[in-house]
PDB file of N, CA and C in Angstrom:
ATOM      1  N   UNK A   1     125.383  76.821 156.694  1.00  0.00           N
ATOM      2  CA  UNK A   1     124.135  76.506 155.935  1.00  0.00           C
ATOM      3  C   UNK A   1     123.062  77.481 156.441  1.00  0.00           C
ATOM      4  N   UNK A   2     122.194  77.771 155.559  1.00  0.00           N
ATOM      5  CA  UNK A   2     121.073  78.637 155.754  1.00  0.00           C
ATOM      6  C   UNK A   2     119.821  77.755 156.317  1.00  0.00           C
ATOM      7  N   UNK A   3     119.225  78.217 157.129  1.00  0.00           N
ATOM      8  CA  UNK A   3     118.007  77.432 157.579  1.00  0.00           C
ATOM      9  C   UNK A   3     116.779  77.948 156.842  1.00  0.00           C
ATOM     10  N   UNK A   4     115.754  77.179 156.943  1.00  0.00           N
ATOM     11  CA  UNK A   4     114.434  77.529 156.305  1.00  0.00           C
ATOM     12  C   UNK A   4     113.825  78.754 157.116  1.00  0.00           C
ATOM     13  N   UNK A   5     114.107  78.623 158.360  1.00  0.00           N
ATOM     14  CA  UNK A   5     113.610  79.805 159.212  1.00  0.00           C
ATOM     15  C   UNK A   5     114.252  81.239 158.712  1.00  0.00           C
ATOM     16  N   UNK A   6     115.658  81.163 158.492  1.00  0.00           N
ATOM     17  CA  UNK A   6     116.173  82.373 158.196  1.00  0.00           C
ATOM     18  C   UNK A   6     115.756  82.859 156.757  1.00  0.00           C
ATOM     19  N   UNK A   7     115.595  81.958 155.887  1.00  0.00           N
ATOM     20  CA  UNK A   7     114.992  82.242 154.517  1.00  0.00           C
ATOM     21  C   UNK A   7     113.575  83.017 154.616  1.00  0.00           C
ATOM     22  N   UNK A   8     112.703  82.283 155.607  1.00  0.00           N
ATOM     23  CA  UNK A   8     111.477  82.864 155.695  1.00  0.00           C
ATOM     24  C   UNK A   8     111.412  84.378 156.335  1.00  0.00           C
ATOM     25  N   UNK A   9     112.393  84.451 157.372  1.00  0.00           N
ATOM     26  CA  UNK A   9     112.486  85.740 157.942  1.00  0.00           C
ATOM     27  C   UNK A   9     112.809  86.813 156.873  1.00  0.00           C
ATOM     28  N   UNK A  10     113.823  86.376 156.085  1.00  0.00           N
ATOM     29  CA  UNK A  10     114.295  87.347 154.907  1.00  0.00           C
ATOM     30  C   UNK A  10     113.160  87.599 153.992  1.00  0.00           C
ATOM     31  N   UNK A  11     112.427  86.674 153.748  1.00  0.00           N
ATOM     32  CA  UNK A  11     111.294  86.893 152.788  1.00  0.00           C
ATOM     33  C   UNK A  11     110.292  87.669 153.425  1.00  0.00           C
ATOM     34  N   UNK A  12     109.909  87.602 154.667  1.00  0.00           N
ATOM     35  CA  UNK A  12     108.953  88.407 155.429  1.00  0.00           C
ATOM     36  C   UNK A  12     109.388  90.020 155.497  1.00  0.00           C
ATOM     37  N   UNK A  13     110.702  90.032 155.846  1.00  0.00           N
ATOM     38  CA  UNK A  13     111.264  91.376 155.789  1.00  0.00           C
ATOM     39  C   UNK A  13     111.156  92.074 154.410  1.00  0.00           C
ATOM     40  N   UNK A  14     111.605  91.275 153.370  1.00  0.00           N
ATOM     41  CA  UNK A  14     111.432  91.752 152.059  1.00  0.00           C
ATOM     42  C   UNK A  14     109.921  92.172 151.611  1.00  0.00           C
ATOM     43  N   UNK A  15     109.052  91.490 152.071  1.00  0.00           N
ATOM     44  CA  UNK A  15     107.561  91.597 151.855  1.00  0.00           C
ATOM     45  C   UNK A  15     107.174  92.838 152.533  1.00  0.00           C
ATOM     46  N   UNK A  16     107.681  93.088 153.907  1.00  0.00           N
ATOM     47  CA  UNK A  16     107.328  94.263 154.584  1.00  0.00           C
ATOM     48  C   UNK A  16     107.964  95.446 154.037  1.00  0.00           C
ATOM     49  N   UNK A  17     109.158  95.444 153.214  1.00  0.00           N
ATOM     50  CA  UNK A  17     109.667  96.600 152.642  1.00  0.00           C
ATOM     51  C   UNK A  17     109.028  96.856 151.209  1.00  0.00           C
ATOM     52  N   UNK A  18     108.326  95.842 150.803  1.00  0.00           N
ATOM     53  CA  UNK A  18     107.807  96.085 149.390  1.00  0.00           C
ATOM     54  C   UNK A  18     106.986  97.251 149.261  1.00  0.00           C
ATOM     55  N   UNK A  19     106.008  97.424 150.225  1.00  0.00           N
ATOM     56  CA  UNK A  19     105.195  98.761 149.954  1.00  0.00           C
ATOM     57  C   UNK A  19     106.132 100.109 149.940  1.00  0.00           C
ATOM     58  N   UNK A  20     107.012 100.066 150.808  1.00  0.00           N
ATOM     59  CA  UNK A  20     108.107 101.197 150.768  1.00  0.00           C
ATOM     60  C   UNK A  20     108.705 101.286 149.395  1.00  0.00           C
ATOM     61  N   UNK A  21     109.243 100.081 148.957  1.00  0.00           N
ATOM     62  CA  UNK A  21     110.002 100.165 147.806  1.00  0.00           C
ATOM     63  C   UNK A  21     109.128 100.521 146.629  1.00  0.00           C
ATOM     64  N   UNK A  22     107.758 100.129 146.602  1.00  0.00           N
ATOM     65  CA  UNK A  22     106.967 100.603 145.578  1.00  0.00           C
ATOM     66  C   UNK A  22     106.619 101.985 145.574  1.00  0.00           C
ATOM     67  N   UNK A  23     106.441 102.488 146.848  1.00  0.00           N
ATOM     68  CA  UNK A  23     106.363 103.962 146.889  1.00  0.00           C
ATOM     69  C   UNK A  23     107.497 104.797 146.486  1.00  0.00           C
ATOM     70  N   UNK A  24     108.709 104.246 146.874  1.00  0.00           N
ATOM     71  CA  UNK A  24     109.860 104.879 146.343  1.00  0.00           C
ATOM     72  C   UNK A  24     110.124 104.881 144.875  1.00  0.00           C
ATOM     73  N   UNK A  25     109.719 103.713 144.256  1.00  0.00           N
ATOM     74  CA  UNK A  25     109.686 103.452 142.823  1.00  0.00           C
ATOM     75  C   UNK A  25     108.649 104.515 142.284  1.00  0.00           C
ATOM     76  N   UNK A  26     107.394 104.672 142.733  1.00  0.00           N
ATOM     77  CA  UNK A  26     106.579 105.597 142.232  1.00  0.00           C
ATOM     78  C   UNK A  26     106.952 106.944 142.242  1.00  0.00           C
ATOM     79  N   UNK A  27     107.643 107.330 143.412  1.00  0.00           N
ATOM     80  CA  UNK A  27     108.006 108.745 143.579  1.00  0.00           C
ATOM     81  C   UNK A  27     109.235 108.962 142.657  1.00  0.00           C
ATOM     82  N   UNK A  28     110.109 108.052 142.408  1.00  0.00           N
ATOM     83  CA  UNK A  28     111.188 108.285 141.456  1.00  0.00           C
ATOM     84  C   UNK A  28     110.774 108.415 140.075  1.00  0.00           C
ATOM     85  N   UNK A  29     109.665 107.536 139.767  1.00  0.00           N
ATOM     86  CA  UNK A  29     109.043 107.605 138.406  1.00  0.00           C
ATOM     87  C   UNK A  29     108.420 109.053 138.116  1.00  0.00           C
ATOM     88  N   UNK A  30     107.743 109.426 139.241  1.00  0.00           N
ATOM     89  CA  UNK A  30     106.973 110.872 139.223  1.00  0.00           C
ATOM     90  C   UNK A  30     108.055 111.936 139.113  1.00  0.00           C
ATOM     91  N   UNK A  31     109.117 111.737 139.841  1.00  0.00           N
ATOM     92  CA  UNK A  31     110.110 112.868 139.829  1.00  0.00           C
ATOM     93  C   UNK A  31     110.852 112.946 138.482  1.00  0.00           C
ATOM     94  N   UNK A  32     111.039 111.754 137.921  1.00  0.00           N
ATOM     95  CA  UNK A  32     111.853 111.800 136.614  1.00  0.00           C
ATOM     96  C   UNK A  32     110.893 111.724 135.368  1.00  0.00           C
ATOM     97  N   UNK A  33     109.755 111.241 135.635  1.00  0.00           N
ATOM     98  CA  UNK A  33     108.701 111.255 134.485  1.00  0.00           C
ATOM     99  C   UNK A  33     108.391 112.670 134.012  1.00  0.00           C
ATOM    100  N   UNK A  34     108.239 113.581 134.933  1.00  0.00           N
ATOM    101  CA  UNK A  34     107.839 114.950 134.519  1.00  0.00           C
ATOM    102  C   UNK A  34     108.945 115.757 133.717  1.00  0.00           C
ATOM    103  N   UNK A  35     110.256 115.555 134.145  1.00  0.00           N
ATOM    104  CA  UNK A  35     111.126 116.350 133.389  1.00  0.00           C
ATOM    105  C   UNK A  35     111.271 115.586 131.864  1.00  0.00           C
ATOM    106  N   UNK A  36     111.190 114.236 132.084  1.00  0.00           N
ATOM    107  CA  UNK A  36     111.169 113.569 130.554  1.00  0.00           C
ATOM    108  C   UNK A  36     110.048 114.063 129.805  1.00  0.00           C
ATOM    109  N   UNK A  37     108.797 114.249 130.423  1.00  0.00           N
ATOM    110  CA  UNK A  37     107.766 114.590 129.468  1.00  0.00           C
ATOM    111  C   UNK A  37     107.986 116.026 129.234  1.00  0.00           C
ATOM    112  N   UNK A  38     108.447 116.880 130.074  1.00  0.00           N
ATOM    113  CA  UNK A  38     108.779 118.275 129.747  1.00  0.00           C
ATOM    114  C   UNK A  38     109.828 118.296 128.543  1.00  0.00           C
ATOM    115  N   UNK A  39     110.972 117.527 128.639  1.00  0.00           N
ATOM    116  CA  UNK A  39     111.863 117.451 127.491  1.00  0.00           C
ATOM    117  C   UNK A  39     111.227 117.074 126.204  1.00  0.00           C
ATOM    118  N   UNK A  40     110.216 116.061 126.311  1.00  0.00           N
ATOM    119  CA  UNK A  40     109.590 115.617 125.063  1.00  0.00           C
ATOM    120  C   UNK A  40     108.698 116.701 124.535  1.00  0.00           C
ATOM    121  N   UNK A  41     108.052 117.368 125.354  1.00  0.00           N
ATOM    122  CA  UNK A  41     107.193 118.625 124.982  1.00  0.00           C
ATOM    123  C   UNK A  41     108.102 119.668 124.354  1.00  0.00           C
ATOM    124  N   UNK A  42     109.187 119.908 125.011  1.00  0.00           N
ATOM    125  CA  UNK A  42     110.336 120.945 124.445  1.00  0.00           C
ATOM    126  C   UNK A  42     110.762 120.497 123.161  1.00  0.00           C
ATOM    127  N   UNK A  43     111.014 119.067 122.962  1.00  0.00           N
ATOM    128  CA  UNK A  43     111.595 118.733 121.700  1.00  0.00           C
ATOM    129  C   UNK A  43     110.471 118.835 120.623  1.00  0.00           C
ATOM    130  N   UNK A  44     109.240 118.496 120.965  1.00  0.00           N
ATOM    131  CA  UNK A  44     108.136 118.700 120.029  1.00  0.00           C
ATOM    132  C   UNK A  44     108.024 120.045 119.669  1.00  0.00           C
ATOM    133  N   UNK A  45     108.105 121.046 120.585  1.00  0.00           N
ATOM    134  CA  UNK A  45     108.049 122.427 120.297  1.00  0.00           C
ATOM    135  C   UNK A  45     109.058 123.005 119.486  1.00  0.00           C
ATOM    136  N   UNK A  46     110.320 122.318 119.692  1.00  0.00           N
ATOM    137  CA  UNK A  46     111.463 122.800 118.832  1.00  0.00           C
ATOM    138  C   UNK A  46     111.175 122.261 117.420  1.00  0.00           C
ATOM    139  N   UNK A  47     110.802 121.097 117.308  1.00  0.00           N
ATOM    140  CA  UNK A  47     110.420 120.529 115.956  1.00  0.00           C
ATOM    141  C   UNK A  47     109.452 121.369 115.232  1.00  0.00           C
ATOM    142  N   UNK A  48     108.371 121.753 115.908  1.00  0.00           N
ATOM    143  CA  UNK A  48     107.310 122.694 115.297  1.00  0.00           C
ATOM    144  C   UNK A  48     107.899 124.084 114.844  1.00  0.00           C
ATOM    145  N   UNK A  49     108.721 124.592 115.713  1.00  0.00           N
ATOM    146  CA  UNK A  49     109.347 125.812 115.377  1.00  0.00           C
ATOM    147  C   UNK A  49     110.198 125.878 114.311  1.00  0.00           C
ATOM    148  N   UNK A  50     111.135 124.741 114.021  1.00  0.00           N
ATOM    149  CA  UNK A  50     111.840 124.408 112.958  1.00  0.00           C
ATOM    150  C   UNK A  50     111.066 124.274 111.649  1.00  0.00           C
ATOM    151  N   UNK A  51     109.886 123.540 111.876  1.00  0.00           N
ATOM    152  CA  UNK A  51     109.064 123.287 110.499  1.00  0.00           C
ATOM    153  C   UNK A  51     108.488 124.687 110.189  1.00  0.00           C
ATOM    154  N   UNK A  52     108.086 125.504 111.146  1.00  0.00           N
ATOM    155  CA  UNK A  52     107.456 126.786 110.837  1.00  0.00           C
ATOM    156  C   UNK A  52     108.455 127.638 110.260  1.00  0.00           C
ATOM    157  N   UNK A  53     109.805 127.733 110.762  1.00  0.00           N
ATOM    158  CA  UNK A  53     110.820 128.478 110.179  1.00  0.00           C
ATOM    159  C   UNK A  53     111.086 128.107 108.707  1.00  0.00           C
ATOM    160  N   UNK A  54     111.173 126.773 108.447  1.00  0.00           N
ATOM    161  CA  UNK A  54     111.400 126.285 107.104  1.00  0.00           C
ATOM    162  C   UNK A  54     110.351 126.762 106.238  1.00  0.00           C
ATOM    163  N   UNK A  55     109.110 126.650 106.657  1.00  0.00           N
ATOM    164  CA  UNK A  55     107.978 127.064 105.868  1.00  0.00           C
ATOM    165  C   UNK A  55     108.080 128.596 105.544  1.00  0.00           C
ATOM    166  N   UNK A  56     108.410 129.347 106.586  1.00  0.00           N
ATOM    167  CA  UNK A  56     108.521 130.792 106.219  1.00  0.00           C
ATOM    168  C   UNK A  56     109.660 131.169 105.430  1.00  0.00           C
ATOM    169  N   UNK A  57     110.779 130.341 105.535  1.00  0.00           N
ATOM    170  CA  UNK A  57     111.792 130.637 104.500  1.00  0.00           C
ATOM    171  C   UNK A  57     111.457 130.186 103.071  1.00  0.00           C
ATOM    172  N   UNK A  58     110.606 129.164 102.948  1.00  0.00           N
ATOM    173  CA  UNK A  58     110.181 128.704 101.679  1.00  0.00           C
ATOM    174  C   UNK A  58     109.234 129.791 101.109  1.00  0.00           C
ATOM    175  N   UNK A  59     108.334 130.250 102.047  1.00  0.00           N
ATOM    176  CA  UNK A  59     107.300 131.252 101.487  1.00  0.00           C
ATOM    177  C   UNK A  59     108.078 132.544 101.197  1.00  0.00           C
ATOM    178  N   UNK A  60     109.027 133.022 101.854  1.00  0.00           N
ATOM    179  CA  UNK A  60     109.942 134.270 101.474  1.00  0.00           C
ATOM    180  C   UNK A  60     110.464 133.863 100.021  1.00  0.00           C
ATOM    181  N   UNK A  61     111.090 132.714  99.932  1.00  0.00           N
ATOM    182  CA  UNK A  61     111.657 132.491  98.587  1.00  0.00           C
ATOM    183  C   UNK A  61     110.702 132.418  97.547  1.00  0.00           C
ATOM    184  N   UNK A  62     109.484 131.891  97.833  1.00  0.00           N
ATOM    185  CA  UNK A  62     108.382 131.871  96.808  1.00  0.00           C
ATOM    186  C   UNK A  62     108.077 133.305  96.341  1.00  0.00           C
ATOM    187  N   UNK A  63     107.868 134.087  97.386  1.00  0.00           N
ATOM    188  CA  UNK A  63     107.642 135.539  97.037  1.00  0.00           C
ATOM    189  C   UNK A  63     108.640 136.235  96.414  1.00  0.00           C
ATOM    190  N   UNK A  64     109.902 136.031  96.603  1.00  0.00           N
ATOM    191  CA  UNK A  64     110.979 136.642  95.830  1.00  0.00           C
ATOM    192  C   UNK A  64     110.996 136.107  94.336  1.00  0.00           C
ATOM    193  N   UNK A  65     110.666 134.751  94.167  1.00  0.00           N
ATOM    194  CA  UNK A  65     110.624 134.264  92.779  1.00  0.00           C
ATOM    195  C   UNK A  65     109.531 134.871  92.110  1.00  0.00           C
ATOM    196  N   UNK A  66     108.306 135.017  92.761  1.00  0.00           N
ATOM    197  CA  UNK A  66     107.252 135.604  92.121  1.00  0.00           C
ATOM    198  C   UNK A  66     107.379 137.075  91.806  1.00  0.00           C
ATOM    199  N   UNK A  67     108.135 137.890  92.739  1.00  0.00           N
ATOM    200  CA  UNK A  67     108.381 139.275  92.352  1.00  0.00           C
ATOM    201  C   UNK A  67     109.420 139.359  91.171  1.00  0.00           C
ATOM    202  N   UNK A  68     110.351 138.341  91.131  1.00  0.00           N
ATOM    203  CA  UNK A  68     111.252 138.515  90.005  1.00  0.00           C
ATOM    204  C   UNK A  68     110.497 138.104  88.746  1.00  0.00           C
ATOM    205  N   UNK A  69     109.722 137.102  88.767  1.00  0.00           N
ATOM    206  CA  UNK A  69     109.008 136.631  87.710  1.00  0.00           C
ATOM    207  C   UNK A  69     108.135 137.983  87.236  1.00  0.00           C
ATOM    208  N   UNK A  70     107.485 138.475  87.982  1.00  0.00           N
ATOM    209  CA  UNK A  70     106.625 139.819  87.658  1.00  0.00           C
ATOM    210  C   UNK A  70     107.444 140.838  87.076  1.00  0.00           C
ATOM    211  N   UNK A  71     108.622 141.031  87.759  1.00  0.00           N
ATOM    212  CA  UNK A  71     109.604 142.125  87.148  1.00  0.00           C
ATOM    213  C   UNK A  71     110.044 141.753  85.789  1.00  0.00           C
ATOM    214  N   UNK A  72     110.359 140.463  85.540  1.00  0.00           N
ATOM    215  CA  UNK A  72     110.666 140.012  84.260  1.00  0.00           C
ATOM    216  C   UNK A  72     109.643 140.221  83.223  1.00  0.00           C
ATOM    217  N   UNK A  73     108.457 139.864  83.647  1.00  0.00           N
ATOM    218  CA  UNK A  73     107.230 140.026  82.705  1.00  0.00           C
ATOM    219  C   UNK A  73     107.177 141.503  82.412  1.00  0.00           C
ATOM    220  N   UNK A  74     107.394 142.418  83.294  1.00  0.00           N
ATOM    221  CA  UNK A  74     107.371 143.896  82.924  1.00  0.00           C
ATOM    222  C   UNK A  74     108.434 144.253  82.100  1.00  0.00           C
ATOM    223  N   UNK A  75     109.583 143.690  82.048  1.00  0.00           N
ATOM    224  CA  UNK A  75     110.702 144.192  81.424  1.00  0.00           C
ATOM    225  C   UNK A  75     110.634 143.658  80.135  1.00  0.00           C
ATOM    226  N   UNK A  76     110.041 142.455  79.804  1.00  0.00           N
ATOM    227  CA  UNK A  76     110.219 141.819  78.435  1.00  0.00           C
ATOM    228  C   UNK A  76     109.569 142.737  77.305  1.00  0.00           C
ATOM    229  N   UNK A  77     108.435 143.214  77.675  1.00  0.00           N
ATOM    230  CA  UNK A  77     107.810 144.117  76.647  1.00  0.00           C
ATOM    231  C   UNK A  77     108.503 145.523  76.416  1.00  0.00           C
ATOM    232  N   UNK A  78     109.214 145.970  77.329  1.00  0.00           N
ATOM    233  CA  UNK A  78     110.050 147.035  77.216  1.00  0.00           C
ATOM    234  C   UNK A  78     111.257 146.785  76.361  1.00  0.00           C
ATOM    235  N   UNK A  79     111.859 145.559  76.553  1.00  0.00           N
ATOM    236  CA  UNK A  79     112.980 145.196  75.664  1.00  0.00           C
ATOM    237  C   UNK A  79     112.423 144.891  74.303  1.00  0.00           C
ATOM    238  N   UNK A  80     111.354 144.293  74.175  1.00  0.00           N
ATOM    239  CA  UNK A  80     110.826 144.114  72.717  1.00  0.00           C
ATOM    240  C   UNK A  80     110.610 145.501  72.170  1.00  0.00           C
ATOM    241  N   UNK A  81     110.063 146.385  72.790  1.00  0.00           N
ATOM    242  CA  UNK A  81     109.668 147.743  72.319  1.00  0.00           C
ATOM    243  C   UNK A  81     111.049 148.439  71.831  1.00  0.00           C
ATOM    244  N   UNK A  82     112.132 148.363  72.693  1.00  0.00           N
ATOM    245  CA  UNK A  82     113.373 148.951  72.431  1.00  0.00           C
ATOM    246  C   UNK A  82     114.103 148.211  71.229  1.00  0.00           C
ATOM    247  N   UNK A  83     113.882 146.960  71.136  1.00  0.00           N
ATOM    248  CA  UNK A  83     114.454 146.269  69.956  1.00  0.00           C
ATOM    249  C   UNK A  83     113.713 146.660  68.786  1.00  0.00           C
ATOM    250  N   UNK A  84     112.531 146.808  68.785  1.00  0.00           N
ATOM    251  CA  UNK A  84     111.706 147.153  67.555  1.00  0.00           C
ATOM    252  C   UNK A  84     112.045 148.649  67.225  1.00  0.00           C
ATOM    253  N   UNK A  85     112.154 149.538  68.252  1.00  0.00           N
ATOM    254  CA  UNK A  85     112.566 150.901  67.785  1.00  0.00           C
ATOM    255  C   UNK A  85     114.134 150.782  67.396  1.00  0.00           C
ATOM    256  N   UNK A  86     114.828 150.056  67.837  1.00  0.00           N
ATOM    257  CA  UNK A  86     116.203 150.135  67.409  1.00  0.00           C
ATOM    258  C   UNK A  86     116.237 149.579  65.795  1.00  0.00           C
ATOM    259  N   UNK A  87     115.285 148.478  65.569  1.00  0.00           N
ATOM    260  CA  UNK A  87     115.317 148.030  64.193  1.00  0.00           C
ATOM    261  C   UNK A  87     114.637 149.190  63.419  1.00  0.00           C
ATOM    262  N   UNK A  88     113.700 149.882  63.701  1.00  0.00           N
ATOM    263  CA  UNK A  88     113.132 150.914  62.962  1.00  0.00           C
ATOM    264  C   UNK A  88     114.138 152.038  62.569  1.00  0.00           C
ATOM    265  N   UNK A  89     114.902 152.459  63.696  1.00  0.00           N
ATOM    266  CA  UNK A  89     116.030 153.616  63.610  1.00  0.00           C
ATOM    267  C   UNK A  89     116.991 153.072  62.660  1.00  0.00           C
ATOM    268  N   UNK A  90     117.452 151.694  62.738  1.00  0.00           N
ATOM    269  CA  UNK A  90     118.449 151.241  61.861  1.00  0.00           C
ATOM    270  C   UNK A  90     117.979 151.260  60.380  1.00  0.00           C
ATOM    271  N   UNK A  91     116.803 150.914  60.101  1.00  0.00           N
ATOM    272  CA  UNK A  91     116.136 150.939  58.843  1.00  0.00           C
ATOM    273  C   UNK A  91     116.087 152.338  58.275  1.00  0.00           C
ATOM    274  N   UNK A  92     115.737 153.276  59.148  1.00  0.00           N
ATOM    275  CA  UNK A  92     115.667 154.710  58.832  1.00  0.00           C
ATOM    276  C   UNK A  92     117.004 155.275  58.490  1.00  0.00           C
ATOM    277  N   UNK A  93     117.953 154.893  59.200  1.00  0.00           N
ATOM    278  CA  UNK A  93     119.379 155.374  59.106  1.00  0.00           C
ATOM    279  C   UNK A  93     119.738 154.889  57.691  1.00  0.00           C
ATOM    280  N   UNK A  94     119.546 153.616  57.413  1.00  0.00           N
ATOM    281  CA  UNK A  94     120.012 152.960  56.263  1.00  0.00           C
ATOM    282  C   UNK A  94     119.283 153.576  55.084  1.00  0.00           C
ATOM    283  N   UNK A  95     117.975 153.957  55.193  1.00  0.00           N
ATOM    284  CA  UNK A  95     117.205 154.542  54.330  1.00  0.00           C
ATOM    285  C   UNK A  95     117.825 155.954  53.918  1.00  0.00           C
ATOM    286  N   UNK A  96     118.153 156.608  54.934  1.00  0.00           N
ATOM    287  CA  UNK A  96     118.807 158.100  54.599  1.00  0.00           C
ATOM    288  C   UNK A  96     120.036 157.772  53.874  1.00  0.00           C
ATOM    289  N   UNK A  97     120.883 156.751  54.186  1.00  0.00           N
ATOM    290  CA  UNK A  97     122.040 156.645  53.494  1.00  0.00           C
ATOM    291  C   UNK A  97     121.923 155.978  52.115  1.00  0.00           C
ATOM    292  N   UNK A  98     120.630 155.772  51.708  1.00  0.00           N
ATOM    293  CA  UNK A  98     120.229 155.156  50.328  1.00  0.00           C
ATOM    294  C   UNK A  98     120.523 153.738  50.167  1.00  0.00           C
ATOM    295  N   UNK A  99     120.738 152.987  51.314  1.00  0.00           N
ATOM    296  CA  UNK A  99     120.760 151.641  51.308  1.00  0.00           C
ATOM    297  C   UNK A  99     119.351 150.896  51.089  1.00  0.00           C
ATOM    298  N   UNK A 100     119.420 149.797  50.383  1.00  0.00           N
ATOM    299  CA  UNK A 100     118.130 149.061  50.258  1.00  0.00           C
ATOM    300  C   UNK A 100     117.867 148.398  51.659  1.00  0.00           C
ATOM    301  N   UNK A 101     116.510 148.195  51.957  1.00  0.00           N
ATOM    302  CA  UNK A 101     116.091 147.500  53.136  1.00  0.00           C
ATOM    303  C   UNK A 101     116.898 146.106  53.265  1.00  0.00           C
ATOM    304  N   UNK A 102     117.234 145.750  54.408  1.00  0.00           N
ATOM    305  CA  UNK A 102     117.994 144.394  54.605  1.00  0.00           C
ATOM    306  C   UNK A 102     119.442 144.519  54.584  1.00  0.00           C
ATOM    307  N   UNK A 103     120.006 145.613  54.132  1.00  0.00           N
ATOM    308  CA  UNK A 103     121.347 145.648  53.931  1.00  0.00           C
ATOM    309  C   UNK A 103     121.949 146.063  55.298  1.00  0.00           C
ATOM    310  N   UNK A 104     123.045 145.562  55.758  1.00  0.00           N
ATOM    311  CA  UNK A 104     123.655 145.822  57.137  1.00  0.00           C
ATOM    312  C   UNK A 104     124.827 147.012  56.771  1.00  0.00           C
ATOM    313  N   UNK A 105     124.818 147.852  57.729  1.00  0.00           N
ATOM    314  CA  UNK A 105     125.752 149.010  57.407  1.00  0.00           C
ATOM    315  C   UNK A 105     127.148 148.494  57.760  1.00  0.00           C
ATOM    316  N   UNK A 106     128.161 149.118  57.238  1.00  0.00           N
ATOM    317  CA  UNK A 106     129.579 148.711  57.567  1.00  0.00           C
ATOM    318  C   UNK A 106     129.687 149.001  59.085  1.00  0.00           C
ATOM    319  N   UNK A 107     130.647 148.192  59.587  1.00  0.00           N
ATOM    320  CA  UNK A 107     131.084 148.064  61.024  1.00  0.00           C
ATOM    321  C   UNK A 107     131.310 149.483  61.687  1.00  0.00           C
ATOM    322  N   UNK A 108     131.927 150.391  60.944  1.00  0.00           N
ATOM    323  CA  UNK A 108     132.186 151.700  61.564  1.00  0.00           C
ATOM    324  C   UNK A 108     130.928 152.420  61.901  1.00  0.00           C
ATOM    325  N   UNK A 109     129.872 152.074  61.203  1.00  0.00           N
ATOM    326  CA  UNK A 109     128.516 152.814  61.336  1.00  0.00           C
ATOM    327  C   UNK A 109     127.530 152.028  62.263  1.00  0.00           C
ATOM    328  N   UNK A 110     127.936 150.906  62.908  1.00  0.00           N
ATOM    329  CA  UNK A 110     127.008 150.269  63.802  1.00  0.00           C
ATOM    330  C   UNK A 110     126.959 150.679  65.005  1.00  0.00           C
TER     331      UNK A 110
END
């Protein structure tokens, strides 16, 4: 059986160790909190880099789409002009052949 005196001694011994235990706890927290903070900062930095890279990719894609749209806008008038010239040439050839306007030439002359 444990006496009250033994319990009191153990309590006093534990109370005497309490400042040391608190100091050790604080040291451990400091030692491990810094790497955890560093890891959190690194993770935040990686997240920002990822967002920045995604934005840069989206911006490049937007620029490519804008360039393609500009090129298409430049080509459309050329295609229209070529189609108009082809129509005029077709009508001119048919006129030389003596065909009335709107008549399609036979397949061998197309």
